[in-house]
Amino acid sequence: DHLSQQAINSQRLPISDLFNQSSASPLKSNFQYKQRNYTC
């Protein structure tokens, strides 16, 4: 009940908006996944 129906089905972030926004201002970050360090 915290998600839209689309998110219930896929549990994905709205990546199309993220990709579109990035063209104006590139996004970069570091993050940890399963106790390992990544860049993205």
PDB file of all heavy atoms in Angstrom:
ATOM      1  N   ASP A   1       0.812  -1.203   0.000  1.00  0.00           N
ATOM      2  CA  ASP A   1       0.000   0.000   0.000  1.00  0.00           C
ATOM      3  C   ASP A   1       0.854   1.266   0.000  1.00  0.00           C
ATOM      4  O   ASP A   1       0.336   2.371  -0.018  1.00  0.00           O
ATOM      5  CB  ASP A   1      -0.949   0.018   1.207  1.00  0.00           C
ATOM      6  CG  ASP A   1      -0.201  -0.041   2.540  1.00  0.00           C
ATOM      7  OD1 ASP A   1       1.029  -0.152   2.547  1.00  0.00           O
ATOM      8  OD2 ASP A   1      -0.871   0.010   3.573  1.00  0.00           O
ATOM      9  N   HIS A   2       2.171   1.090  -0.002  1.00  0.00           N
ATOM     10  CA  HIS A   2       3.071   2.244  -0.043  1.00  0.00           C
ATOM     11  C   HIS A   2       3.570   2.510  -1.452  1.00  0.00           C
ATOM     12  O   HIS A   2       4.242   3.496  -1.711  1.00  0.00           O
ATOM     13  CB  HIS A   2       4.269   1.978   0.875  1.00  0.00           C
ATOM     14  CG  HIS A   2       5.196   3.134   1.029  1.00  0.00           C
ATOM     15  ND1 HIS A   2       4.829   4.317   1.611  1.00  0.00           N
ATOM     16  CD2 HIS A   2       6.496   3.271   0.669  1.00  0.00           C
ATOM     17  CE1 HIS A   2       5.855   5.140   1.615  1.00  0.00           C
ATOM     18  NE2 HIS A   2       6.880   4.541   1.047  1.00  0.00           N
ATOM     19  N   LEU A   3       3.221   1.623  -2.395  1.00  0.00           N
ATOM     20  CA  LEU A   3       3.731   1.712  -3.748  1.00  0.00           C
ATOM     21  C   LEU A   3       2.612   1.920  -4.747  1.00  0.00           C
ATOM     22  O   LEU A   3       1.472   1.541  -4.505  1.00  0.00           O
ATOM     23  CB  LEU A   3       4.470   0.414  -4.120  1.00  0.00           C
ATOM     24  CG  LEU A   3       5.650   0.018  -3.230  1.00  0.00           C
ATOM     25  CD1 LEU A   3       6.066  -1.395  -3.548  1.00  0.00           C
ATOM     26  CD2 LEU A   3       6.797   0.971  -3.456  1.00  0.00           C
ATOM     27  N   SER A   4       2.934   2.485  -5.868  1.00  0.00           N
ATOM     28  CA  SER A   4       1.999   2.484  -6.983  1.00  0.00           C
ATOM     29  C   SER A   4       1.872   1.075  -7.507  1.00  0.00           C
ATOM     30  O   SER A   4       2.692   0.213  -7.214  1.00  0.00           O
ATOM     31  CB  SER A   4       2.527   3.401  -8.096  1.00  0.00           C
ATOM     32  OG  SER A   4       3.708   2.855  -8.647  1.00  0.00           O
ATOM     33  N   GLN A   5       0.837   0.798  -8.309  1.00  0.00           N
ATOM     34  CA  GLN A   5       0.668  -0.552  -8.819  1.00  0.00           C
ATOM     35  C   GLN A   5       1.858  -0.970  -9.671  1.00  0.00           C
ATOM     36  O   GLN A   5       2.297  -2.114  -9.618  1.00  0.00           O
ATOM     37  CB  GLN A   5      -0.623  -0.644  -9.656  1.00  0.00           C
ATOM     38  CG  GLN A   5      -0.992  -2.078 -10.046  1.00  0.00           C
ATOM     39  CD  GLN A   5      -1.214  -2.951  -8.833  1.00  0.00           C
ATOM     40  OE1 GLN A   5      -1.899  -2.584  -7.899  1.00  0.00           O
ATOM     41  NE2 GLN A   5      -0.573  -4.120  -8.828  1.00  0.00           N
ATOM     42  N   GLN A   6       2.433  -0.018 -10.420  1.00  0.00           N
ATOM     43  CA  GLN A   6       3.595  -0.356 -11.221  1.00  0.00           C
ATOM     44  C   GLN A   6       4.765  -0.763 -10.332  1.00  0.00           C
ATOM     45  O   GLN A   6       5.490  -1.712 -10.615  1.00  0.00           O
ATOM     46  CB  GLN A   6       4.005   0.830 -12.093  1.00  0.00           C
ATOM     47  CG  GLN A   6       5.228   0.547 -12.965  1.00  0.00           C
ATOM     48  CD  GLN A   6       5.618   1.739 -13.793  1.00  0.00           C
ATOM     49  OE1 GLN A   6       4.993   2.782 -13.724  1.00  0.00           O
ATOM     50  NE2 GLN A   6       6.660   1.570 -14.591  1.00  0.00           N
ATOM     51  N   ALA A   7       4.939  -0.047  -9.245  1.00  0.00           N
ATOM     52  CA  ALA A   7       6.029  -0.389  -8.350  1.00  0.00           C
ATOM     53  C   ALA A   7       5.770  -1.696  -7.623  1.00  0.00           C
ATOM     54  O   ALA A   7       6.693  -2.433  -7.311  1.00  0.00           O
ATOM     55  CB  ALA A   7       6.244   0.745  -7.331  1.00  0.00           C
ATOM     56  N   ILE A   8       4.504  -2.000  -7.340  1.00  0.00           N
ATOM     57  CA  ILE A   8       4.184  -3.286  -6.726  1.00  0.00           C
ATOM     58  C   ILE A   8       4.609  -4.416  -7.647  1.00  0.00           C
ATOM     59  O   ILE A   8       5.177  -5.422  -7.222  1.00  0.00           O
ATOM     60  CB  ILE A   8       2.677  -3.394  -6.432  1.00  0.00           C
ATOM     61  CG1 ILE A   8       2.280  -2.406  -5.334  1.00  0.00           C
ATOM     62  CG2 ILE A   8       2.292  -4.804  -6.030  1.00  0.00           C
ATOM     63  CD1 ILE A   8       0.796  -2.286  -5.140  1.00  0.00           C
ATOM     64  N   ASN A   9       4.347  -4.250  -8.923  1.00  0.00           N
ATOM     65  CA  ASN A   9       4.654  -5.310  -9.876  1.00  0.00           C
ATOM     66  C   ASN A   9       6.153  -5.458 -10.099  1.00  0.00           C
ATOM     67  O   ASN A   9       6.652  -6.557 -10.289  1.00  0.00           O
ATOM     68  CB  ASN A   9       3.964  -5.032 -11.220  1.00  0.00           C
ATOM     69  CG  ASN A   9       2.464  -5.117 -11.108  1.00  0.00           C
ATOM     70  OD1 ASN A   9       1.943  -5.795 -10.232  1.00  0.00           O
ATOM     71  ND2 ASN A   9       1.761  -4.422 -11.990  1.00  0.00           N
ATOM     72  N   SER A  10       6.886  -4.353 -10.086  1.00  0.00           N
ATOM     73  CA  SER A  10       8.294  -4.447 -10.445  1.00  0.00           C
ATOM     74  C   SER A  10       9.252  -3.990  -9.349  1.00  0.00           C
ATOM     75  O   SER A  10      10.416  -4.340  -9.373  1.00  0.00           O
ATOM     76  CB  SER A  10       8.565  -3.584 -11.681  1.00  0.00           C
ATOM     77  OG  SER A  10       8.350  -2.214 -11.382  1.00  0.00           O
ATOM     78  N   GLN A  11       8.763  -3.198  -8.389  1.00  0.00           N
ATOM     79  CA  GLN A  11       9.587  -2.623  -7.327  1.00  0.00           C
ATOM     80  C   GLN A  11      10.810  -1.904  -7.900  1.00  0.00           C
ATOM     81  O   GLN A  11      11.925  -1.998  -7.394  1.00  0.00           O
ATOM     82  CB  GLN A  11      10.028  -3.712  -6.335  1.00  0.00           C
ATOM     83  CG  GLN A  11       8.854  -4.292  -5.565  1.00  0.00           C
ATOM     84  CD  GLN A  11       9.288  -5.173  -4.425  1.00  0.00           C
ATOM     85  OE1 GLN A  11      10.456  -5.264  -4.104  1.00  0.00           O
ATOM     86  NE2 GLN A  11       8.352  -5.828  -3.796  1.00  0.00           N
ATOM     87  N   ARG A  12      10.608  -1.173  -8.993  1.00  0.00           N
ATOM     88  CA  ARG A  12      11.698  -0.440  -9.622  1.00  0.00           C
ATOM     89  C   ARG A  12      11.525   1.054  -9.403  1.00  0.00           C
ATOM     90  O   ARG A  12      10.418   1.556  -9.269  1.00  0.00           O
ATOM     91  CB  ARG A  12      11.730  -0.720 -11.130  1.00  0.00           C
ATOM     92  CG  ARG A  12      12.085  -2.150 -11.466  1.00  0.00           C
ATOM     93  CD  ARG A  12      11.935  -2.381 -12.950  1.00  0.00           C
ATOM     94  NE  ARG A  12      12.295  -3.729 -13.296  1.00  0.00           N
ATOM     95  CZ  ARG A  12      13.522  -4.098 -13.640  1.00  0.00           C
ATOM     96  NH1 ARG A  12      14.482  -3.216 -13.670  1.00  0.00           N
ATOM     97  NH2 ARG A  12      13.779  -5.347 -13.945  1.00  0.00           N
ATOM     98  N   LEU A  13      12.635   1.747  -9.429  1.00  0.00           N
ATOM     99  CA  LEU A  13      12.592   3.196  -9.361  1.00  0.00           C
ATOM    100  C   LEU A  13      12.193   3.766 -10.718  1.00  0.00           C
ATOM    101  O   LEU A  13      12.341   3.106 -11.750  1.00  0.00           O
ATOM    102  CB  LEU A  13      13.981   3.711  -8.976  1.00  0.00           C
ATOM    103  CG  LEU A  13      14.420   3.354  -7.553  1.00  0.00           C
ATOM    104  CD1 LEU A  13      15.899   3.623  -7.409  1.00  0.00           C
ATOM    105  CD2 LEU A  13      13.630   4.142  -6.532  1.00  0.00           C
ATOM    106  N   PRO A  14      11.693   4.988 -10.772  1.00  0.00           N
ATOM    107  CA  PRO A  14      11.303   5.611 -12.043  1.00  0.00           C
ATOM    108  C   PRO A  14      12.537   6.010 -12.835  1.00  0.00           C
ATOM    109  O   PRO A  14      12.909   7.177 -12.915  1.00  0.00           O
ATOM    110  CB  PRO A  14      10.502   6.838 -11.593  1.00  0.00           C
ATOM    111  CG  PRO A  14      11.072   7.181 -10.261  1.00  0.00           C
ATOM    112  CD  PRO A  14      11.430   5.873  -9.615  1.00  0.00           C
ATOM    113  N   ILE A  15      13.197   5.022 -13.466  1.00  0.00           N
ATOM    114  CA  ILE A  15      14.509   5.268 -14.041  1.00  0.00           C
ATOM    115  C   ILE A  15      14.445   6.146 -15.282  1.00  0.00           C
ATOM    116  O   ILE A  15      15.422   6.804 -15.605  1.00  0.00           O
ATOM    117  CB  ILE A  15      15.246   3.959 -14.348  1.00  0.00           C
ATOM    118  CG1 ILE A  15      14.485   3.157 -15.407  1.00  0.00           C
ATOM    119  CG2 ILE A  15      15.433   3.143 -13.114  1.00  0.00           C
ATOM    120  CD1 ILE A  15      15.257   1.945 -15.873  1.00  0.00           C
ATOM    121  N   SER A  16      13.320   6.168 -15.995  1.00  0.00           N
ATOM    122  CA  SER A  16      13.258   7.022 -17.172  1.00  0.00           C
ATOM    123  C   SER A  16      13.414   8.480 -16.773  1.00  0.00           C
ATOM    124  O   SER A  16      14.120   9.246 -17.423  1.00  0.00           O
ATOM    125  CB  SER A  16      11.932   6.809 -17.902  1.00  0.00           C
ATOM    126  OG  SER A  16      10.838   7.090 -17.048  1.00  0.00           O
ATOM    127  N   ASP A  17      12.771   8.888 -15.667  1.00  0.00           N
ATOM    128  CA  ASP A  17      12.930  10.250 -15.179  1.00  0.00           C
ATOM    129  C   ASP A  17      14.386  10.519 -14.784  1.00  0.00           C
ATOM    130  O   ASP A  17      14.926  11.590 -15.039  1.00  0.00           O
ATOM    131  CB  ASP A  17      12.024  10.495 -13.967  1.00  0.00           C
ATOM    132  CG  ASP A  17      10.551  10.481 -14.358  1.00  0.00           C
ATOM    133  OD1 ASP A  17      10.257  10.598 -15.555  1.00  0.00           O
ATOM    134  OD2 ASP A  17       9.716  10.337 -13.456  1.00  0.00           O
ATOM    135  N   LEU A  18      15.005   9.535 -14.158  1.00  0.00           N
ATOM    136  CA  LEU A  18      16.388   9.693 -13.709  1.00  0.00           C
ATOM    137  C   LEU A  18      17.325   9.864 -14.895  1.00  0.00           C
ATOM    138  O   LEU A  18      18.195  10.736 -14.907  1.00  0.00           O
ATOM    139  CB  LEU A  18      16.793   8.473 -12.883  1.00  0.00           C
ATOM    140  CG  LEU A  18      18.178   8.491 -12.227  1.00  0.00           C
ATOM    141  CD1 LEU A  18      18.287   9.650 -11.280  1.00  0.00           C
ATOM    142  CD2 LEU A  18      18.412   7.176 -11.508  1.00  0.00           C
ATOM    143  N   PHE A  19      17.159   9.040 -15.943  1.00  0.00           N
ATOM    144  CA  PHE A  19      18.002   9.156 -17.127  1.00  0.00           C
ATOM    145  C   PHE A  19      17.784  10.498 -17.833  1.00  0.00           C
ATOM    146  O   PHE A  19      18.720  11.130 -18.295  1.00  0.00           O
ATOM    147  CB  PHE A  19      17.719   8.003 -18.097  1.00  0.00           C
ATOM    148  CG  PHE A  19      18.462   6.744 -17.757  1.00  0.00           C
ATOM    149  CD1 PHE A  19      17.947   5.843 -16.850  1.00  0.00           C
ATOM    150  CD2 PHE A  19      19.683   6.464 -18.346  1.00  0.00           C
ATOM    151  CE1 PHE A  19      18.626   4.679 -16.539  1.00  0.00           C
ATOM    152  CE2 PHE A  19      20.381   5.301 -18.037  1.00  0.00           C
ATOM    153  CZ  PHE A  19      19.851   4.414 -17.130  1.00  0.00           C
ATOM    154  N   ASN A  20      16.533  10.924 -17.926  1.00  0.00           N
ATOM    155  CA  ASN A  20      16.248  12.197 -18.593  1.00  0.00           C
ATOM    156  C   ASN A  20      16.862  13.364 -17.840  1.00  0.00           C
ATOM    157  O   ASN A  20      17.421  14.289 -18.418  1.00  0.00           O
ATOM    158  CB  ASN A  20      14.736  12.400 -18.718  1.00  0.00           C
ATOM    159  CG  ASN A  20      14.124  11.415 -19.702  1.00  0.00           C
ATOM    160  OD1 ASN A  20      14.811  10.906 -20.583  1.00  0.00           O
ATOM    161  ND2 ASN A  20      12.845  11.132 -19.531  1.00  0.00           N
ATOM    162  N   GLN A  21      16.754  13.329 -16.513  1.00  0.00           N
ATOM    163  CA  GLN A  21      17.292  14.424 -15.706  1.00  0.00           C
ATOM    164  C   GLN A  21      18.812  14.477 -15.788  1.00  0.00           C
ATOM    165  O   GLN A  21      19.410  15.525 -15.772  1.00  0.00           O
ATOM    166  CB  GLN A  21      16.854  14.260 -14.244  1.00  0.00           C
ATOM    167  CG  GLN A  21      17.159  15.461 -13.340  1.00  0.00           C
ATOM    168  CD  GLN A  21      18.531  15.371 -12.704  1.00  0.00           C
ATOM    169  OE1 GLN A  21      19.084  14.300 -12.584  1.00  0.00           O
ATOM    170  NE2 GLN A  21      19.069  16.509 -12.291  1.00  0.00           N
ATOM    171  N   SER A  22      19.441  13.284 -15.942  1.00  0.00           N
ATOM    172  CA  SER A  22      20.898  13.230 -15.897  1.00  0.00           C
ATOM    173  C   SER A  22      21.545  13.918 -17.083  1.00  0.00           C
ATOM    174  O   SER A  22      22.685  14.327 -17.027  1.00  0.00           O
ATOM    175  CB  SER A  22      21.367  11.779 -15.845  1.00  0.00           C
ATOM    176  OG  SER A  22      21.107  11.136 -17.079  1.00  0.00           O
ATOM    177  N   SER A  23      20.821  14.019 -18.210  1.00  0.00           N
ATOM    178  CA  SER A  23      21.419  14.639 -19.385  1.00  0.00           C
ATOM    179  C   SER A  23      21.729  16.112 -19.141  1.00  0.00           C
ATOM    180  O   SER A  23      22.648  16.671 -19.719  1.00  0.00           O
ATOM    181  CB  SER A  23      20.479  14.498 -20.590  1.00  0.00           C
ATOM    182  OG  SER A  23      19.250  15.164 -20.329  1.00  0.00           O
ATOM    183  N   ALA A  24      20.938  16.748 -18.269  1.00  0.00           N
ATOM    184  CA  ALA A  24      21.188  18.153 -17.951  1.00  0.00           C
ATOM    185  C   ALA A  24      22.257  18.300 -16.877  1.00  0.00           C
ATOM    186  O   ALA A  24      23.028  19.242 -16.878  1.00  0.00           O
ATOM    187  CB  ALA A  24      19.891  18.812 -17.485  1.00  0.00           C
ATOM    188  N   SER A  25      22.310  17.356 -15.950  1.00  0.00           N
ATOM    189  CA  SER A  25      23.274  17.414 -14.856  1.00  0.00           C
ATOM    190  C   SER A  25      23.743  16.004 -14.534  1.00  0.00           C
ATOM    191  O   SER A  25      23.036  15.261 -13.848  1.00  0.00           O
ATOM    192  CB  SER A  25      22.611  18.049 -13.620  1.00  0.00           C
ATOM    193  OG  SER A  25      23.499  18.062 -12.530  1.00  0.00           O
ATOM    194  N   PRO A  26      24.895  15.581 -15.062  1.00  0.00           N
ATOM    195  CA  PRO A  26      25.345  14.191 -14.886  1.00  0.00           C
ATOM    196  C   PRO A  26      25.408  13.797 -13.420  1.00  0.00           C
ATOM    197  O   PRO A  26      25.818  14.579 -12.563  1.00  0.00           O
ATOM    198  CB  PRO A  26      26.736  14.202 -15.531  1.00  0.00           C
ATOM    199  CG  PRO A  26      26.700  15.339 -16.501  1.00  0.00           C
ATOM    200  CD  PRO A  26      25.816  16.370 -15.879  1.00  0.00           C
ATOM    201  N   LEU A  27      25.008  12.553 -13.135  1.00  0.00           N
ATOM    202  CA  LEU A  27      24.991  12.039 -11.771  1.00  0.00           C
ATOM    203  C   LEU A  27      26.076  10.985 -11.606  1.00  0.00           C
ATOM    204  O   LEU A  27      26.239  10.104 -12.452  1.00  0.00           O
ATOM    205  CB  LEU A  27      23.626  11.421 -11.461  1.00  0.00           C
ATOM    206  CG  LEU A  27      22.423  12.360 -11.457  1.00  0.00           C
ATOM    207  CD1 LEU A  27      21.140  11.571 -11.254  1.00  0.00           C
ATOM    208  CD2 LEU A  27      22.562  13.409 -10.379  1.00  0.00           C
ATOM    209  N   LYS A  28      26.818  11.069 -10.508  1.00  0.00           N
ATOM    210  CA  LYS A  28      27.835  10.079 -10.179  1.00  0.00           C
ATOM    211  C   LYS A  28      27.804   9.868  -8.673  1.00  0.00           C
ATOM    212  O   LYS A  28      27.506  10.783  -7.914  1.00  0.00           O
ATOM    213  CB  LYS A  28      29.232  10.547 -10.605  1.00  0.00           C
ATOM    214  CG  LYS A  28      29.415  10.790 -12.099  1.00  0.00           C
ATOM    215  CD  LYS A  28      30.818  11.290 -12.394  1.00  0.00           C
ATOM    216  CE  LYS A  28      30.986  11.637 -13.859  1.00  0.00           C
ATOM    217  NZ  LYS A  28      32.361  12.145 -14.156  1.00  0.00           N
ATOM    218  N   SER A  29      28.136   8.645  -8.247  1.00  0.00           N
ATOM    219  CA  SER A  29      28.131   8.388  -6.813  1.00  0.00           C
ATOM    220  C   SER A  29      28.905   7.113  -6.511  1.00  0.00           C
ATOM    221  O   SER A  29      29.207   6.319  -7.406  1.00  0.00           O
ATOM    222  CB  SER A  29      26.694   8.263  -6.285  1.00  0.00           C
ATOM    223  OG  SER A  29      26.690   8.117  -4.870  1.00  0.00           O
ATOM    224  N   ASN A  30      29.211   6.934  -5.236  1.00  0.00           N
ATOM    225  CA  ASN A  30      29.751   5.679  -4.717  1.00  0.00           C
ATOM    226  C   ASN A  30      28.669   5.034  -3.867  1.00  0.00           C
ATOM    227  O   ASN A  30      27.835   5.730  -3.268  1.00  0.00           O
ATOM    228  CB  ASN A  30      30.995   5.924  -3.864  1.00  0.00           C
ATOM    229  CG  ASN A  30      32.104   6.603  -4.638  1.00  0.00           C
ATOM    230  OD1 ASN A  30      32.372   6.247  -5.775  1.00  0.00           O
ATOM    231  ND2 ASN A  30      32.748   7.592  -4.019  1.00  0.00           N
ATOM    232  N   PHE A  31      28.675   3.725  -3.797  1.00  0.00           N
ATOM    233  CA  PHE A  31      27.712   3.050  -2.930  1.00  0.00           C
ATOM    234  C   PHE A  31      28.242   1.690  -2.526  1.00  0.00           C
ATOM    235  O   PHE A  31      29.189   1.163  -3.134  1.00  0.00           O
ATOM    236  CB  PHE A  31      26.342   2.921  -3.617  1.00  0.00           C
ATOM    237  CG  PHE A  31      26.288   1.954  -4.768  1.00  0.00           C
ATOM    238  CD1 PHE A  31      25.740   0.683  -4.606  1.00  0.00           C
ATOM    239  CD2 PHE A  31      26.763   2.303  -6.020  1.00  0.00           C
ATOM    240  CE1 PHE A  31      25.679  -0.206  -5.665  1.00  0.00           C
ATOM    241  CE2 PHE A  31      26.695   1.434  -7.092  1.00  0.00           C
ATOM    242  CZ  PHE A  31      26.156   0.162  -6.916  1.00  0.00           C
ATOM    243  N   GLN A  32      27.633   1.128  -1.490  1.00  0.00           N
ATOM    244  CA  GLN A  32      27.975  -0.205  -1.023  1.00  0.00           C
ATOM    245  C   GLN A  32      26.841  -1.161  -1.344  1.00  0.00           C
ATOM    246  O   GLN A  32      25.670  -0.827  -1.191  1.00  0.00           O
ATOM    247  CB  GLN A  32      28.227  -0.224   0.486  1.00  0.00           C
ATOM    248  CG  GLN A  32      29.667   0.077   0.871  1.00  0.00           C
ATOM    249  CD  GLN A  32      29.987  -0.431   2.263  1.00  0.00           C
ATOM    250  OE1 GLN A  32      29.124  -0.675   3.093  1.00  0.00           O
ATOM    251  NE2 GLN A  32      31.277  -0.598   2.535  1.00  0.00           N
ATOM    252  N   TYR A  33      27.197  -2.352  -1.812  1.00  0.00           N
ATOM    253  CA  TYR A  33      26.204  -3.399  -2.079  1.00  0.00           C
ATOM    254  C   TYR A  33      26.801  -4.715  -1.621  1.00  0.00           C
ATOM    255  O   TYR A  33      27.884  -5.107  -2.049  1.00  0.00           O
ATOM    256  CB  TYR A  33      25.870  -3.451  -3.565  1.00  0.00           C
ATOM    257  CG  TYR A  33      24.902  -4.546  -3.948  1.00  0.00           C
ATOM    258  CD1 TYR A  33      23.557  -4.454  -3.605  1.00  0.00           C
ATOM    259  CD2 TYR A  33      25.331  -5.669  -4.630  1.00  0.00           C
ATOM    260  CE1 TYR A  33      22.669  -5.459  -3.942  1.00  0.00           C
ATOM    261  CE2 TYR A  33      24.442  -6.675  -4.977  1.00  0.00           C
ATOM    262  CZ  TYR A  33      23.117  -6.567  -4.633  1.00  0.00           C
ATOM    263  OH  TYR A  33      22.220  -7.573  -4.961  1.00  0.00           O
ATOM    264  N   LYS A  34      26.095  -5.377  -0.683  1.00  0.00           N
ATOM    265  CA  LYS A  34      26.571  -6.636  -0.105  1.00  0.00           C
ATOM    266  C   LYS A  34      28.004  -6.481   0.417  1.00  0.00           C
ATOM    267  O   LYS A  34      28.874  -7.322   0.184  1.00  0.00           O
ATOM    268  CB  LYS A  34      26.473  -7.780  -1.105  1.00  0.00           C
ATOM    269  CG  LYS A  34      25.033  -8.155  -1.448  1.00  0.00           C
ATOM    270  CD  LYS A  34      24.946  -9.378  -2.324  1.00  0.00           C
ATOM    271  CE  LYS A  34      23.491  -9.769  -2.538  1.00  0.00           C
ATOM    272  NZ  LYS A  34      23.340 -10.954  -3.411  1.00  0.00           N
ATOM    273  N   GLN A  35      28.225  -5.374   1.106  1.00  0.00           N
ATOM    274  CA  GLN A  35      29.474  -5.078   1.796  1.00  0.00           C
ATOM    275  C   GLN A  35      30.660  -4.922   0.840  1.00  0.00           C
ATOM    276  O   GLN A  35      31.814  -5.136   1.217  1.00  0.00           O
ATOM    277  CB  GLN A  35      29.773  -6.154   2.852  1.00  0.00           C
ATOM    278  CG  GLN A  35      28.696  -6.246   3.923  1.00  0.00           C
ATOM    279  CD  GLN A  35      28.988  -7.278   4.976  1.00  0.00           C
ATOM    280  OE1 GLN A  35      29.967  -8.008   4.896  1.00  0.00           O
ATOM    281  NE2 GLN A  35      28.156  -7.343   5.992  1.00  0.00           N
ATOM    282  N   ARG A  36      30.393  -4.531  -0.419  1.00  0.00           N
ATOM    283  CA  ARG A  36      31.452  -4.233  -1.374  1.00  0.00           C
ATOM    284  C   ARG A  36      31.229  -2.822  -1.918  1.00  0.00           C
ATOM    285  O   ARG A  36      30.092  -2.371  -2.031  1.00  0.00           O
ATOM    286  CB  ARG A  36      31.482  -5.244  -2.516  1.00  0.00           C
ATOM    287  CG  ARG A  36      31.663  -6.680  -2.040  1.00  0.00           C
ATOM    288  CD  ARG A  36      31.831  -7.612  -3.233  1.00  0.00           C
ATOM    289  NE  ARG A  36      33.171  -7.513  -3.790  1.00  0.00           N
ATOM    290  CZ  ARG A  36      33.444  -7.644  -5.081  1.00  0.00           C
ATOM    291  NH1 ARG A  36      32.477  -7.828  -5.956  1.00  0.00           N
ATOM    292  NH2 ARG A  36      34.696  -7.581  -5.516  1.00  0.00           N
ATOM    293  N   ASN A  37      32.323  -2.134  -2.255  1.00  0.00           N
ATOM    294  CA  ASN A  37      32.243  -0.752  -2.714  1.00  0.00           C
ATOM    295  C   ASN A  37      32.161  -0.690  -4.240  1.00  0.00           C
ATOM    296  O   ASN A  37      32.921  -1.368  -4.939  1.00  0.00           O
ATOM    297  CB  ASN A  37      33.470   0.035  -2.235  1.00  0.00           C
ATOM    298  CG  ASN A  37      33.513   0.159  -0.725  1.00  0.00           C
ATOM    299  OD1 ASN A  37      32.487   0.418  -0.091  1.00  0.00           O
ATOM    300  ND2 ASN A  37      34.678  -0.025  -0.141  1.00  0.00           N
ATOM    301  N   TYR A  38      31.232   0.125  -4.740  1.00  0.00           N
ATOM    302  CA  TYR A  38      31.039   0.300  -6.171  1.00  0.00           C
ATOM    303  C   TYR A  38      30.983   1.793  -6.490  1.00  0.00           C
ATOM    304  O   TYR A  38      30.699   2.618  -5.614  1.00  0.00           O
ATOM    305  CB  TYR A  38      29.725  -0.343  -6.633  1.00  0.00           C
ATOM    306  CG  TYR A  38      29.683  -1.851  -6.513  1.00  0.00           C
ATOM    307  CD1 TYR A  38      29.367  -2.466  -5.301  1.00  0.00           C
ATOM    308  CD2 TYR A  38      29.937  -2.658  -7.616  1.00  0.00           C
ATOM    309  CE1 TYR A  38      29.324  -3.847  -5.195  1.00  0.00           C
ATOM    310  CE2 TYR A  38      29.891  -4.039  -7.525  1.00  0.00           C
ATOM    311  CZ  TYR A  38      29.582  -4.629  -6.312  1.00  0.00           C
ATOM    312  OH  TYR A  38      29.525  -6.011  -6.217  1.00  0.00           O
ATOM    313  N   THR A  39      31.241   2.119  -7.755  1.00  0.00           N
ATOM    314  CA  THR A  39      30.972   3.456  -8.262  1.00  0.00           C
ATOM    315  C   THR A  39      29.909   3.339  -9.346  1.00  0.00           C
ATOM    316  O   THR A  39      29.811   2.313 -10.029  1.00  0.00           O
ATOM    317  CB  THR A  39      32.237   4.105  -8.844  1.00  0.00           C
ATOM    318  OG1 THR A  39      32.731   3.300  -9.919  1.00  0.00           O
ATOM    319  CG2 THR A  39      33.313   4.244  -7.786  1.00  0.00           C
ATOM    320  N   CYS A  40      29.112   4.389  -9.507  1.00  0.00           N
ATOM    321  CA  CYS A  40      28.074   4.360 -10.527  1.00  0.00           C
ATOM    322  C   CYS A  40      27.850   5.768 -11.058  1.00  0.00           C
ATOM    323  O   CYS A  40      28.182   6.758 -10.403  1.00  0.00           O
ATOM    324  CB  CYS A  40      26.761   3.783  -9.972  1.00  0.00           C
ATOM    325  SG  CYS A  40      26.034   4.749  -8.634  1.00  0.00           S
TER     326      CYS A  40
END
